[in-house]
Amino acid sequence: MNNSVTLIGRVGRTPKSTLFASGKRIVEFSIGVKEWDAVKKQEFTIWFDVKCFGSMADRVLETITKGREVVINGRLGIEAFTRVDGTEVIKPVVKLFGFHLCGSAPRKREEIINDNQLANIS
């Protein structure tokens, strides 16, 4: 395959599933990848939209959560559409064909609050 991309970053939004009348499912999420600007000497984030289908979509829904660090492998594609206001948009999209979870799962807000409450008990 000539067109292959590997990205490491954090999931920016919870994967969203859409089921079509044909029975096919598409799952979409975003991934933020850290980049360094040598001129400004600061870090910034590049955001990528990610889409997947079929059994890969099912795996994503079962395992990927917002905030989770992941390594994704896919094919870079281009999507073009027209907004309601007539503006034409062309943007890159990663068509996912594999992923690996990195590190531990992000902690839920409730877990952090409970830990803080336990730490304050004398």
Protein backbone atom coordinates (compact mmCIF):
# COMPACT_ATOMS: atom_id res chain seq x y z
CA MET A 1 0.00 0.00 0.00
CA ASN A 2 1.50 3.34 -1.06
CA ASN A 3 -0.69 5.49 1.13
CA SER A 4 -0.03 4.76 4.79
CA VAL A 5 0.03 7.00 7.84
CA THR A 6 0.88 6.28 11.49
CA LEU A 7 -0.03 8.80 14.17
CA ILE A 8 0.47 8.84 17.94
CA GLY A 9 -1.77 11.12 19.97
CA ARG A 10 -4.75 11.47 22.26
CA VAL A 11 -8.37 10.91 21.36
CA GLY A 12 -10.13 14.27 21.34
CA ARG A 13 -13.73 13.18 21.28
CA THR A 14 -15.63 10.04 22.19
CA PRO A 15 -16.09 7.81 19.12
CA LYS A 16 -19.47 8.42 17.49
CA SER A 17 -21.28 5.64 15.67
CA THR A 18 -23.66 6.02 12.73
CA LEU A 19 -25.64 3.07 11.36
CA PHE A 20 -26.84 3.36 7.78
CA ALA A 21 -29.99 1.81 6.29
CA SER A 22 -27.75 -0.63 4.39
CA GLY A 23 -26.64 -2.05 7.76
CA LYS A 24 -23.13 -0.62 7.50
CA ARG A 25 -21.70 1.20 10.50
CA ILE A 26 -19.21 4.05 10.47
CA VAL A 27 -17.41 5.22 13.59
CA GLU A 28 -15.72 8.63 13.76
CA PHE A 29 -13.43 10.25 16.31
CA SER A 30 -10.56 12.74 16.37
CA ILE A 31 -6.96 12.44 17.46
CA GLY A 32 -4.70 15.29 18.57
CA VAL A 33 -1.03 14.97 17.69
CA LYS A 34 1.54 17.20 19.42
CA GLU A 35 3.87 19.21 17.16
CA TRP A 36 6.68 21.65 17.88
CA ASP A 37 6.98 25.11 16.32
CA ALA A 38 10.71 25.88 16.25
CA VAL A 39 10.15 29.54 15.37
CA LYS A 40 7.69 30.29 18.19
CA LYS A 41 9.39 27.72 20.47
CA GLN A 42 6.10 26.25 21.62
CA GLU A 43 4.07 23.10 21.30
CA PHE A 44 0.77 22.97 19.45
CA THR A 45 -1.75 20.29 18.50
CA ILE A 46 -2.72 19.13 15.03
CA TRP A 47 -6.18 17.54 14.92
CA PHE A 48 -7.07 14.67 12.57
CA ASP A 49 -10.50 13.18 11.92
CA VAL A 50 -10.48 9.37 11.91
CA LYS A 51 -13.11 7.07 10.37
CA CYS A 52 -13.50 3.31 10.43
CA PHE A 53 -15.98 0.68 9.25
CA GLY A 54 -17.07 -2.90 9.92
CA SER A 55 -15.40 -4.96 12.62
CA MET A 56 -12.79 -2.23 13.17
CA ALA A 57 -15.64 0.15 14.05
CA ASP A 58 -16.89 -2.35 16.64
CA ARG A 59 -13.39 -2.65 18.20
CA VAL A 60 -13.06 1.14 18.38
CA LEU A 61 -16.42 1.49 20.15
CA GLU A 62 -15.42 -1.18 22.68
CA THR A 63 -11.96 0.15 23.53
CA ILE A 64 -11.24 3.75 22.54
CA THR A 65 -12.31 6.54 24.88
CA LYS A 66 -11.82 10.31 24.94
CA GLY A 67 -8.41 11.24 26.31
CA ARG A 68 -6.84 7.84 25.62
CA GLU A 69 -3.41 7.81 24.02
CA VAL A 70 -3.37 5.69 20.86
CA VAL A 71 -1.21 4.74 17.92
CA ILE A 72 -3.30 4.60 14.78
CA ASN A 73 -2.46 3.16 11.38
CA GLY A 74 -4.49 4.06 8.36
CA ARG A 75 -4.78 5.52 4.92
CA LEU A 76 -4.92 9.26 4.35
CA GLY A 77 -7.97 10.32 2.41
CA ILE A 78 -9.60 13.59 1.41
CA GLU A 79 -13.21 14.54 2.08
CA ALA A 80 -14.92 17.35 0.23
CA PHE A 81 -18.33 18.76 1.10
CA THR A 82 -20.34 21.96 0.96
CA ARG A 83 -21.58 23.57 4.16
CA VAL A 84 -25.11 24.94 4.48
CA ASP A 85 -23.76 28.46 3.94
CA GLY A 86 -22.32 27.39 0.57
CA THR A 87 -18.68 27.22 1.71
CA GLU A 88 -16.77 24.32 0.17
CA VAL A 89 -14.58 22.37 2.58
CA ILE A 90 -11.74 19.99 1.72
CA LYS A 91 -10.06 18.21 4.63
CA PRO A 92 -7.83 15.20 5.27
CA VAL A 93 -9.31 12.15 7.00
CA VAL A 94 -7.53 9.04 8.25
CA LYS A 95 -9.30 5.81 7.22
CA LEU A 96 -8.34 3.51 10.10
CA PHE A 97 -7.10 -0.03 9.54
CA GLY A 98 -5.40 -0.65 12.91
CA PHE A 99 -4.66 0.83 16.33
CA HIS A 100 -2.85 0.18 19.59
CA LEU A 101 -3.74 1.60 22.99
CA CYS A 102 -0.89 3.28 24.88
CA GLY A 103 -0.44 3.83 28.60
CA SER A 104 -3.24 3.54 31.10
CA ALA A 105 -6.81 4.58 30.44
CA PRO A 106 -7.59 8.18 31.42
CA ARG A 107 -9.15 8.47 34.84
CA LYS A 108 -12.75 9.50 35.15
CA ARG A 109 -13.54 12.75 36.94
CA GLU A 110 -15.40 10.84 39.67
CA GLU A 111 -12.31 8.73 40.44
CA ILE A 112 -10.15 11.83 40.87
CA ILE A 113 -12.74 13.47 43.15
CA ASN A 114 -12.96 10.29 45.26
CA ASP A 115 -9.14 10.12 45.56
CA ASN A 116 -9.03 13.77 46.66
CA GLN A 117 -11.75 13.14 49.25
CA LEU A 118 -9.82 10.14 50.61
CA ALA A 119 -6.63 12.21 50.82
CA ASN A 120 -8.43 14.85 52.93
CA ILE A 121 -9.64 12.31 55.51
CA SER A 122 -7.40 12.41 58.61
